[in-house]
PDB file of N, CA and C in Angstrom:
ATOM      1  N   MET A   1      75.429 150.904 104.900  1.00  0.00           N
ATOM      2  CA  MET A   1      75.601 149.477 104.850  1.00  0.00           C
ATOM      3  C   MET A   1      76.834 149.133 104.023  1.00  0.00           C
ATOM      4  N   ASN A   2      77.704 148.310 104.578  1.00  0.00           N
ATOM      5  CA  ASN A   2      78.894 147.884 103.860  1.00  0.00           C
ATOM      6  C   ASN A   2      78.605 146.616 103.070  1.00  0.00           C
ATOM      7  N   THR A   3      79.115 146.564 101.865  1.00  0.00           N
ATOM      8  CA  THR A   3      78.991 145.353 101.072  1.00  0.00           C
ATOM      9  C   THR A   3      80.377 144.785 100.836  1.00  0.00           C
ATOM     10  N   ILE A   4      80.443 143.482 100.769  1.00  0.00           N
ATOM     11  CA  ILE A   4      81.719 142.815 100.530  1.00  0.00           C
ATOM     12  C   ILE A   4      81.811 142.491  99.051  1.00  0.00           C
ATOM     13  N   PRO A   5      82.879 142.940  98.383  1.00  0.00           N
ATOM     14  CA  PRO A   5      83.014 142.621  96.961  1.00  0.00           C
ATOM     15  C   PRO A   5      83.065 141.113  96.759  1.00  0.00           C
ATOM     16  N   LEU A   6      82.487 140.659  95.655  1.00  0.00           N
ATOM     17  CA  LEU A   6      82.442 139.233  95.359  1.00  0.00           C
ATOM     18  C   LEU A   6      83.835 138.613  95.362  1.00  0.00           C
ATOM     19  N   THR A   7      84.835 139.353  94.942  1.00  0.00           N
ATOM     20  CA  THR A   7      86.197 138.809  94.906  1.00  0.00           C
ATOM     21  C   THR A   7      86.721 138.482  96.293  1.00  0.00           C
ATOM     22  N   GLU A   8      86.167 139.087  97.336  1.00  0.00           N
ATOM     23  CA  GLU A   8      86.583 138.768  98.697  1.00  0.00           C
ATOM     24  C   GLU A   8      85.795 137.598  99.271  1.00  0.00           C
ATOM     25  N   ILE A   9      84.683 137.262  98.654  1.00  0.00           N
ATOM     26  CA  ILE A   9      83.871 136.148  99.126  1.00  0.00           C
ATOM     27  C   ILE A   9      84.346 134.834  98.506  1.00  0.00           C
ATOM     28  N   ILE A  10      84.605 134.845  97.223  1.00  0.00           N
ATOM     29  CA  ILE A  10      85.013 133.653  96.486  1.00  0.00           C
ATOM     30  C   ILE A  10      86.466 133.813  96.069  1.00  0.00           C
ATOM     31  N   ASP A  11      87.288 132.817  96.384  1.00  0.00           N
ATOM     32  CA  ASP A  11      88.694 132.850  96.001  1.00  0.00           C
ATOM     33  C   ASP A  11      88.835 132.263  94.600  1.00  0.00           C
ATOM     34  N   PRO A  12      89.160 133.098  93.591  1.00  0.00           N
ATOM     35  CA  PRO A  12      89.241 132.599  92.222  1.00  0.00           C
ATOM     36  C   PRO A  12      90.392 131.619  92.010  1.00  0.00           C
ATOM     37  N   ALA A  13      91.361 131.597  92.923  1.00  0.00           N
ATOM     38  CA  ALA A  13      92.486 130.676  92.784  1.00  0.00           C
ATOM     39  C   ALA A  13      92.112 129.257  93.194  1.00  0.00           C
ATOM     40  N   ALA A  14      91.026 129.105  93.912  1.00  0.00           N
ATOM     41  CA  ALA A  14      90.599 127.789  94.375  1.00  0.00           C
ATOM     42  C   ALA A  14      89.755 127.120  93.300  1.00  0.00           C
ATOM     43  N   THR A  15      90.231 125.996  92.829  1.00  0.00           N
ATOM     44  CA  THR A  15      89.457 125.221  91.865  1.00  0.00           C
ATOM     45  C   THR A  15      89.457 123.766  92.302  1.00  0.00           C
ATOM     46  N   CYS A  16      88.426 123.066  91.938  1.00  0.00           N
ATOM     47  CA  CYS A  16      88.343 121.650  92.301  1.00  0.00           C
ATOM     48  C   CYS A  16      89.476 120.855  91.662  1.00  0.00           C
ATOM     49  N   SER A  17      89.956 121.303  90.505  1.00  0.00           N
ATOM     50  CA  SER A  17      91.018 120.566  89.816  1.00  0.00           C
ATOM     51  C   SER A  17      92.378 120.711  90.501  1.00  0.00           C
ATOM     52  N   THR A  18      92.506 121.676  91.429  1.00  0.00           N
ATOM     53  CA  THR A  18      93.773 121.845  92.143  1.00  0.00           C
ATOM     54  C   THR A  18      93.611 121.518  93.622  1.00  0.00           C
ATOM     55  N   CYS A  19      92.630 120.708  93.937  1.00  0.00           N
ATOM     56  CA  CYS A  19      92.303 120.427  95.328  1.00  0.00           C
ATOM     57  C   CYS A  19      92.474 118.952  95.639  1.00  0.00           C
ATOM     58  N   ALA A  20      92.691 118.662  96.900  1.00  0.00           N
ATOM     59  CA  ALA A  20      92.784 117.274  97.354  1.00  0.00           C
ATOM     60  C   ALA A  20      91.420 116.731  97.742  1.00  0.00           C
ATOM     61  N   ALA A  21      90.362 117.392  97.291  1.00  0.00           N
ATOM     62  CA  ALA A  21      88.979 116.963  97.552  1.00  0.00           C
ATOM     63  C   ALA A  21      88.700 116.839  99.042  1.00  0.00           C
ATOM     64  N   CYS A  22      89.229 117.761  99.824  1.00  0.00           N
ATOM     65  CA  CYS A  22      89.041 117.688 101.275  1.00  0.00           C
ATOM     66  C   CYS A  22      87.575 117.761 101.669  1.00  0.00           C
ATOM     67  N   CYS A  23      86.745 118.402 100.855  1.00  0.00           N
ATOM     68  CA  CYS A  23      85.315 118.448 101.175  1.00  0.00           C
ATOM     69  C   CYS A  23      84.698 117.053 101.101  1.00  0.00           C
ATOM     70  N   CYS A  24      85.348 116.143 100.419  1.00  0.00           N
ATOM     71  CA  CYS A  24      84.836 114.773 100.277  1.00  0.00           C
ATOM     72  C   CYS A  24      85.130 113.913 101.505  1.00  0.00           C
ATOM     73  N   GLN A  25      85.662 114.525 102.551  1.00  0.00           N
ATOM     74  CA  GLN A  25      85.855 113.832 103.816  1.00  0.00           C
ATOM     75  C   GLN A  25      84.850 114.310 104.865  1.00  0.00           C
ATOM     76  N   LEU A  26      84.003 115.252 104.506  1.00  0.00           N
ATOM     77  CA  LEU A  26      83.020 115.794 105.432  1.00  0.00           C
ATOM     78  C   LEU A  26      81.799 114.875 105.506  1.00  0.00           C
ATOM     79  N   GLU A  27      81.094 114.923 106.632  1.00  0.00           N
ATOM     80  CA  GLU A  27      79.830 114.189 106.773  1.00  0.00           C
ATOM     81  C   GLU A  27      78.792 114.856 105.888  1.00  0.00           C
ATOM     82  N   VAL A  28      78.165 114.094 105.018  1.00  0.00           N
ATOM     83  CA  VAL A  28      77.183 114.637 104.084  1.00  0.00           C
ATOM     84  C   VAL A  28      75.831 113.999 104.344  1.00  0.00           C
ATOM     85  N   MET A  29      74.924 114.794 104.908  1.00  0.00           N
ATOM     86  CA  MET A  29      73.564 114.319 105.151  1.00  0.00           C
ATOM     87  C   MET A  29      72.755 114.454 103.872  1.00  0.00           C
ATOM     88  N   LEU A  30      71.922 113.466 103.611  1.00  0.00           N
ATOM     89  CA  LEU A  30      71.062 113.495 102.437  1.00  0.00           C
ATOM     90  C   LEU A  30      69.701 114.015 102.875  1.00  0.00           C
ATOM     91  N   ILE A  31      69.447 115.288 102.571  1.00  0.00           N
ATOM     92  CA  ILE A  31      68.211 115.919 103.030  1.00  0.00           C
ATOM     93  C   ILE A  31      67.208 116.120 101.908  1.00  0.00           C
ATOM     94  N   THR A  32      67.636 115.883 100.681  1.00  0.00           N
ATOM     95  CA  THR A  32      66.726 115.952  99.537  1.00  0.00           C
ATOM     96  C   THR A  32      67.044 114.763  98.636  1.00  0.00           C
ATOM     97  N   ASP A  33      66.121 114.422  97.772  1.00  0.00           N
ATOM     98  CA  ASP A  33      66.341 113.324  96.847  1.00  0.00           C
ATOM     99  C   ASP A  33      66.941 113.874  95.561  1.00  0.00           C
ATOM    100  N   THR A  34      68.220 113.598  95.343  1.00  0.00           N
ATOM    101  CA  THR A  34      68.870 114.035  94.109  1.00  0.00           C
ATOM    102  C   THR A  34      69.195 112.846  93.218  1.00  0.00           C
ATOM    103  N   GLY A  35      68.808 111.667  93.641  1.00  0.00           N
ATOM    104  CA  GLY A  35      69.065 110.487  92.827  1.00  0.00           C
ATOM    105  C   GLY A  35      70.371 109.798  93.140  1.00  0.00           C
ATOM    106  N   VAL A  36      70.935 110.048  94.322  1.00  0.00           N
ATOM    107  CA  VAL A  36      72.170 109.376  94.719  1.00  0.00           C
ATOM    108  C   VAL A  36      71.915 107.868  94.687  1.00  0.00           C
ATOM    109  N   PRO A  37      72.737 107.108  93.970  1.00  0.00           N
ATOM    110  CA  PRO A  37      72.543 105.656  93.925  1.00  0.00           C
ATOM    111  C   PRO A  37      72.632 105.034  95.320  1.00  0.00           C
ATOM    112  N   ASP A  38      71.796 104.039  95.576  1.00  0.00           N
ATOM    113  CA  ASP A  38      71.718 103.390  96.888  1.00  0.00           C
ATOM    114  C   ASP A  38      73.060 102.886  97.389  1.00  0.00           C
ATOM    115  N   ARG A  39      73.939 102.465  96.481  1.00  0.00           N
ATOM    116  CA  ARG A  39      75.235 101.907  96.912  1.00  0.00           C
ATOM    117  C   ARG A  39      76.134 102.944  97.582  1.00  0.00           C
ATOM    118  N   PHE A  40      75.776 104.231  97.466  1.00  0.00           N
ATOM    119  CA  PHE A  40      76.559 105.297  98.082  1.00  0.00           C
ATOM    120  C   PHE A  40      75.880 105.862  99.327  1.00  0.00           C
ATOM    121  N   ILE A  41      74.783 105.254  99.760  1.00  0.00           N
ATOM    122  CA  ILE A  41      74.027 105.767 100.903  1.00  0.00           C
ATOM    123  C   ILE A  41      74.233 104.881 102.125  1.00  0.00           C
ATOM    124  N   ASP A  42      74.445 105.529 103.260  1.00  0.00           N
ATOM    125  CA  ASP A  42      74.619 104.846 104.536  1.00  0.00           C
ATOM    126  C   ASP A  42      73.611 105.448 105.519  1.00  0.00           C
ATOM    127  N   THR A  43      73.472 104.828 106.665  1.00  0.00           N
ATOM    128  CA  THR A  43      72.596 105.338 107.714  1.00  0.00           C
ATOM    129  C   THR A  43      73.457 105.708 108.914  1.00  0.00           C
ATOM    130  N   ASP A  44      73.263 106.917 109.449  1.00  0.00           N
ATOM    131  CA  ASP A  44      74.059 107.332 110.605  1.00  0.00           C
ATOM    132  C   ASP A  44      73.480 106.745 111.896  1.00  0.00           C
ATOM    133  N   ASP A  45      74.110 107.053 113.009  1.00  0.00           N
ATOM    134  CA  ASP A  45      73.705 106.498 114.309  1.00  0.00           C
ATOM    135  C   ASP A  45      72.297 106.908 114.732  1.00  0.00           C
ATOM    136  N   TRP A  46      71.759 107.952 114.125  1.00  0.00           N
ATOM    137  CA  TRP A  46      70.433 108.462 114.491  1.00  0.00           C
ATOM    138  C   TRP A  46      69.371 108.103 113.460  1.00  0.00           C
ATOM    139  N   GLY A  47      69.739 107.291 112.485  1.00  0.00           N
ATOM    140  CA  GLY A  47      68.786 106.839 111.479  1.00  0.00           C
ATOM    141  C   GLY A  47      68.675 107.708 110.248  1.00  0.00           C
ATOM    142  N   GLY A  48      69.489 108.753 110.165  1.00  0.00           N
ATOM    143  CA  GLY A  48      69.463 109.633 108.999  1.00  0.00           C
ATOM    144  C   GLY A  48      70.295 109.068 107.863  1.00  0.00           C
ATOM    145  N   GLU A  49      69.932 109.422 106.648  1.00  0.00           N
ATOM    146  CA  GLU A  49      70.706 108.990 105.494  1.00  0.00           C
ATOM    147  C   GLU A  49      71.874 109.940 105.272  1.00  0.00           C
ATOM    148  N   VAL A  50      73.041 109.353 105.030  1.00  0.00           N
ATOM    149  CA  VAL A  50      74.267 110.105 104.771  1.00  0.00           C
ATOM    150  C   VAL A  50      74.998 109.447 103.611  1.00  0.00           C
ATOM    151  N   MET A  51      75.919 110.186 103.046  1.00  0.00           N
ATOM    152  CA  MET A  51      76.766 109.591 102.019  1.00  0.00           C
ATOM    153  C   MET A  51      77.694 108.579 102.688  1.00  0.00           C
ATOM    154  N   LEU A  52      77.832 107.446 102.065  1.00  0.00           N
ATOM    155  CA  LEU A  52      78.713 106.400 102.560  1.00  0.00           C
ATOM    156  C   LEU A  52      80.163 106.865 102.465  1.00  0.00           C
ATOM    157  N   ARG A  53      80.895 106.667 103.547  1.00  0.00           N
ATOM    158  CA  ARG A  53      82.325 106.941 103.529  1.00  0.00           C
ATOM    159  C   ARG A  53      83.042 105.618 103.770  1.00  0.00           C
ATOM    160  N   LEU A  54      84.100 105.411 103.047  1.00  0.00           N
ATOM    161  CA  LEU A  54      84.852 104.171 103.166  1.00  0.00           C
ATOM    162  C   LEU A  54      85.776 104.228 104.378  1.00  0.00           C
ATOM    163  N   ASP A  55      86.467 103.143 104.645  1.00  0.00           N
ATOM    164  CA  ASP A  55      87.333 103.048 105.821  1.00  0.00           C
ATOM    165  C   ASP A  55      88.394 104.145 105.871  1.00  0.00           C
ATOM    166  N   ASP A  56      88.782 104.664 104.719  1.00  0.00           N
ATOM    167  CA  ASP A  56      89.800 105.722 104.688  1.00  0.00           C
ATOM    168  C   ASP A  56      89.219 107.103 104.992  1.00  0.00           C
ATOM    169  N   GLY A  57      87.893 107.180 105.193  1.00  0.00           N
ATOM    170  CA  GLY A  57      87.252 108.452 105.528  1.00  0.00           C
ATOM    171  C   GLY A  57      86.749 109.243 104.339  1.00  0.00           C
ATOM    172  N   TRP A  58      87.088 108.835 103.139  1.00  0.00           N
ATOM    173  CA  TRP A  58      86.673 109.549 101.933  1.00  0.00           C
ATOM    174  C   TRP A  58      85.300 109.076 101.483  1.00  0.00           C
ATOM    175  N   CYS A  59      84.573 109.945 100.820  1.00  0.00           N
ATOM    176  CA  CYS A  59      83.271 109.627 100.249  1.00  0.00           C
ATOM    177  C   CYS A  59      83.408 108.461  99.273  1.00  0.00           C
ATOM    178  N   ALA A  60      82.472 107.526  99.345  1.00  0.00           N
ATOM    179  CA  ALA A  60      82.507 106.347  98.476  1.00  0.00           C
ATOM    180  C   ALA A  60      82.317 106.713  97.006  1.00  0.00           C
ATOM    181  N   ALA A  61      81.749 107.877  96.718  1.00  0.00           N
ATOM    182  CA  ALA A  61      81.518 108.296  95.334  1.00  0.00           C
ATOM    183  C   ALA A  61      82.726 108.996  94.719  1.00  0.00           C
ATOM    184  N   LEU A  62      83.781 109.168  95.492  1.00  0.00           N
ATOM    185  CA  LEU A  62      84.981 109.841  94.995  1.00  0.00           C
ATOM    186  C   LEU A  62      85.884 108.846  94.290  1.00  0.00           C
ATOM    187  N   ASP A  63      86.235 109.130  93.054  1.00  0.00           N
ATOM    188  CA  ASP A  63      87.185 108.314  92.302  1.00  0.00           C
ATOM    189  C   ASP A  63      88.581 108.634  92.825  1.00  0.00           C
ATOM    190  N   ARG A  64      89.236 107.677  93.436  1.00  0.00           N
ATOM    191  CA  ARG A  64      90.536 107.921  94.075  1.00  0.00           C
ATOM    192  C   ARG A  64      91.647 108.213  93.067  1.00  0.00           C
ATOM    193  N   ASP A  65      91.479 107.802  91.813  1.00  0.00           N
ATOM    194  CA  ASP A  65      92.508 108.072  90.799  1.00  0.00           C
ATOM    195  C   ASP A  65      92.443 109.500  90.285  1.00  0.00           C
ATOM    196  N   THR A  66      91.236 110.004  90.074  1.00  0.00           N
ATOM    197  CA  THR A  66      91.080 111.348  89.517  1.00  0.00           C
ATOM    198  C   THR A  66      90.732 112.387  90.570  1.00  0.00           C
ATOM    199  N   MET A  67      90.321 111.924  91.784  1.00  0.00           N
ATOM    200  CA  MET A  67      89.837 112.795  92.855  1.00  0.00           C
ATOM    201  C   MET A  67      88.634 113.613  92.391  1.00  0.00           C
ATOM    202  N   MET A  68      87.805 113.006  91.548  1.00  0.00           N
ATOM    203  CA  MET A  68      86.594 113.647  91.061  1.00  0.00           C
ATOM    204  C   MET A  68      85.384 112.811  91.456  1.00  0.00           C
ATOM    205  N   CYS A  69      84.245 113.457  91.593  1.00  0.00           N
ATOM    206  CA  CYS A  69      83.007 112.805  91.979  1.00  0.00           C
ATOM    207  C   CYS A  69      82.473 111.955  90.828  1.00  0.00           C
ATOM    208  N   THR A  70      82.146 110.712  91.134  1.00  0.00           N
ATOM    209  CA  THR A  70      81.623 109.815  90.103  1.00  0.00           C
ATOM    210  C   THR A  70      80.116 109.983  89.902  1.00  0.00           C
ATOM    211  N   ILE A  71      79.464 110.734  90.779  1.00  0.00           N
ATOM    212  CA  ILE A  71      78.022 110.962  90.657  1.00  0.00           C
ATOM    213  C   ILE A  71      77.729 112.462  90.623  1.00  0.00           C
ATOM    214  N   TYR A  72      78.610 113.228  90.015  1.00  0.00           N
ATOM    215  CA  TYR A  72      78.534 114.685  90.048  1.00  0.00           C
ATOM    216  C   TYR A  72      77.150 115.216  89.686  1.00  0.00           C
ATOM    217  N   GLU A  73      76.523 114.689  88.653  1.00  0.00           N
ATOM    218  CA  GLU A  73      75.211 115.167  88.229  1.00  0.00           C
ATOM    219  C   GLU A  73      74.110 114.811  89.224  1.00  0.00           C
ATOM    220  N   LYS A  74      74.359 113.820  90.081  1.00  0.00           N
ATOM    221  CA  LYS A  74      73.367 113.384  91.072  1.00  0.00           C
ATOM    222  C   LYS A  74      73.865 113.594  92.498  1.00  0.00           C
ATOM    223  N   ARG A  75      74.849 114.468  92.664  1.00  0.00           N
ATOM    224  CA  ARG A  75      75.439 114.689  93.986  1.00  0.00           C
ATOM    225  C   ARG A  75      74.414 115.302  94.937  1.00  0.00           C
ATOM    226  N   PRO A  76      74.606 115.088  96.237  1.00  0.00           N
ATOM    227  CA  PRO A  76      73.657 115.620  97.234  1.00  0.00           C
ATOM    228  C   PRO A  76      73.594 117.146  97.237  1.00  0.00           C
ATOM    229  N   LEU A  77      72.511 117.662  97.796  1.00  0.00           N
ATOM    230  CA  LEU A  77      72.297 119.100  97.859  1.00  0.00           C
ATOM    231  C   LEU A  77      73.456 119.817  98.542  1.00  0.00           C
ATOM    232  N   ILE A  78      73.936 119.299  99.662  1.00  0.00           N
ATOM    233  CA  ILE A  78      75.018 119.976 100.383  1.00  0.00           C
ATOM    234  C   ILE A  78      76.282 120.066  99.528  1.00  0.00           C
ATOM    235  N   CYS A  79      76.527 119.062  98.703  1.00  0.00           N
ATOM    236  CA  CYS A  79      77.681 119.109  97.801  1.00  0.00           C
ATOM    237  C   CYS A  79      77.477 120.181  96.731  1.00  0.00           C
ATOM    238  N   ARG A  80      76.236 120.354  96.306  1.00  0.00           N
ATOM    239  CA  ARG A  80      75.933 121.388  95.312  1.00  0.00           C
ATOM    240  C   ARG A  80      76.094 122.785  95.916  1.00  0.00           C
ATOM    241  N   GLU A  81      75.775 122.914  97.195  1.00  0.00           N
ATOM    242  CA  GLU A  81      75.828 124.223  97.851  1.00  0.00           C
ATOM    243  C   GLU A  81      77.215 124.566  98.396  1.00  0.00           C
ATOM    244  N   PHE A  82      78.078 123.583  98.545  1.00  0.00           N
ATOM    245  CA  PHE A  82      79.429 123.822  99.032  1.00  0.00           C
ATOM    246  C   PHE A  82      80.227 124.377  97.861  1.00  0.00           C
ATOM    247  N   GLU A  83      80.163 125.684  97.710  1.00  0.00           N
ATOM    248  CA  GLU A  83      80.678 126.340  96.521  1.00  0.00           C
ATOM    249  C   GLU A  83      82.205 126.415  96.495  1.00  0.00           C
ATOM    250  N   MET A  84      82.749 126.050  95.350  1.00  0.00           N
ATOM    251  CA  MET A  84      84.181 126.098  95.142  1.00  0.00           C
ATOM    252  C   MET A  84      84.710 127.519  95.379  1.00  0.00           C
ATOM    253  N   GLY A  85      85.703 127.648  96.252  1.00  0.00           N
ATOM    254  CA  GLY A  85      86.321 128.932  96.524  1.00  0.00           C
ATOM    255  C   GLY A  85      85.606 129.782  97.554  1.00  0.00           C
ATOM    256  N   ALA A  86      84.464 129.324  98.055  1.00  0.00           N
ATOM    257  CA  ALA A  86      83.729 130.056  99.085  1.00  0.00           C
ATOM    258  C   ALA A  86      84.488 129.945 100.414  1.00  0.00           C
ATOM    259  N   PRO A  87      84.169 130.772 101.389  1.00  0.00           N
ATOM    260  CA  PRO A  87      84.897 130.727 102.666  1.00  0.00           C
ATOM    261  C   PRO A  87      84.958 129.335 103.305  1.00  0.00           C
ATOM    262  N   GLU A  88      83.866 128.579 103.222  1.00  0.00           N
ATOM    263  CA  GLU A  88      83.867 127.231 103.801  1.00  0.00           C
ATOM    264  C   GLU A  88      84.861 126.326 103.085  1.00  0.00           C
ATOM    265  N   CYS A  89      84.931 126.455 101.782  1.00  0.00           N
ATOM    266  CA  CYS A  89      85.871 125.684 100.966  1.00  0.00           C
ATOM    267  C   CYS A  89      87.310 126.036 101.360  1.00  0.00           C
ATOM    268  N   ILE A  90      87.591 127.315 101.444  1.00  0.00           N
ATOM    269  CA  ILE A  90      88.944 127.766 101.788  1.00  0.00           C
ATOM    270  C   ILE A  90      89.319 127.285 103.185  1.00  0.00           C
ATOM    271  N   GLU A  91      88.380 127.331 104.120  1.00  0.00           N
ATOM    272  CA  GLU A  91      88.645 126.874 105.481  1.00  0.00           C
ATOM    273  C   GLU A  91      88.977 125.382 105.502  1.00  0.00           C
ATOM    274  N   GLU A  92      88.249 124.586 104.751  1.00  0.00           N
ATOM    275  CA  GLU A  92      88.541 123.151 104.672  1.00  0.00           C
ATOM    276  C   GLU A  92      89.909 122.910 104.050  1.00  0.00           C
ATOM    277  N   ARG A  93      90.260 123.684 103.038  1.00  0.00           N
ATOM    278  CA  ARG A  93      91.579 123.547 102.401  1.00  0.00           C
ATOM    279  C   ARG A  93      92.695 123.881 103.389  1.00  0.00           C
ATOM    280  N   ARG A  94      92.481 124.931 104.188  1.00  0.00           N
ATOM    281  CA  ARG A  94      93.481 125.278 105.208  1.00  0.00           C
ATOM    282  C   ARG A  94      93.642 124.141 106.209  1.00  0.00           C
ATOM    283  N   GLY A  95      92.516 123.563 106.608  1.00  0.00           N
ATOM    284  CA  GLY A  95      92.549 122.465 107.577  1.00  0.00           C
ATOM    285  C   GLY A  95      93.310 121.269 107.054  1.00  0.00           C
ATOM    286  N   ILE A  96      93.096 120.892 105.808  1.00  0.00           N
ATOM    287  CA  ILE A  96      93.784 119.732 105.247  1.00  0.00           C
ATOM    288  C   ILE A  96      95.258 120.051 105.035  1.00  0.00           C
ATOM    289  N   ALA A  97      95.572 121.288 104.703  1.00  0.00           N
ATOM    290  CA  ALA A  97      96.964 121.676 104.466  1.00  0.00           C
ATOM    291  C   ALA A  97      97.767 121.613 105.768  1.00  0.00           C
ATOM    292  N   THR A  98      97.160 122.012 106.870  1.00  0.00           N
ATOM    293  CA  THR A  98      97.886 122.005 108.136  1.00  0.00           C
ATOM    294  C   THR A  98      97.915 120.619 108.761  1.00  0.00           C
ATOM    295  N   ALA A  99      97.048 119.738 108.345  1.00  0.00           N
ATOM    296  CA  ALA A  99      97.006 118.381 108.920  1.00  0.00           C
ATOM    297  C   ALA A  99      98.249 117.582 108.551  1.00  0.00           C
ATOM    298  N   TYR A 100      98.898 117.937 107.446  1.00  0.00           N
ATOM    299  CA  TYR A 100     100.046 117.158 106.990  1.00  0.00           C
ATOM    300  C   TYR A 100     101.372 117.849 107.234  1.00  0.00           C
ATOM    301  N   ARG A 101     101.398 118.847 108.104  1.00  0.00           N
ATOM    302  CA  ARG A 101     102.665 119.548 108.412  1.00  0.00           C
ATOM    303  C   ARG A 101     103.393 118.841 109.513  1.00  0.00           C
TER     304      ARG A 101
END
């Protein structure tokens, strides 16, 4: 059985402080109660609860000046599981980087 070293799974160069918060443009379904304030919750076309996104496509809980989450301690489960530097994170960063070329 082959194992993948942790350094190949998580990119140590990827940090939230050096990111354009591209993950904050993804659709975020609220599947557990983490205490997200009601003002940040929207309902999708199928009746499910999702994080509210503003007209610019960014999450309503994202502070546009600092590009940091204003409800970090109460962020949704999917935001907690979207690990910084993980393959999904790196893929989103690649996507946002190529969108502006």
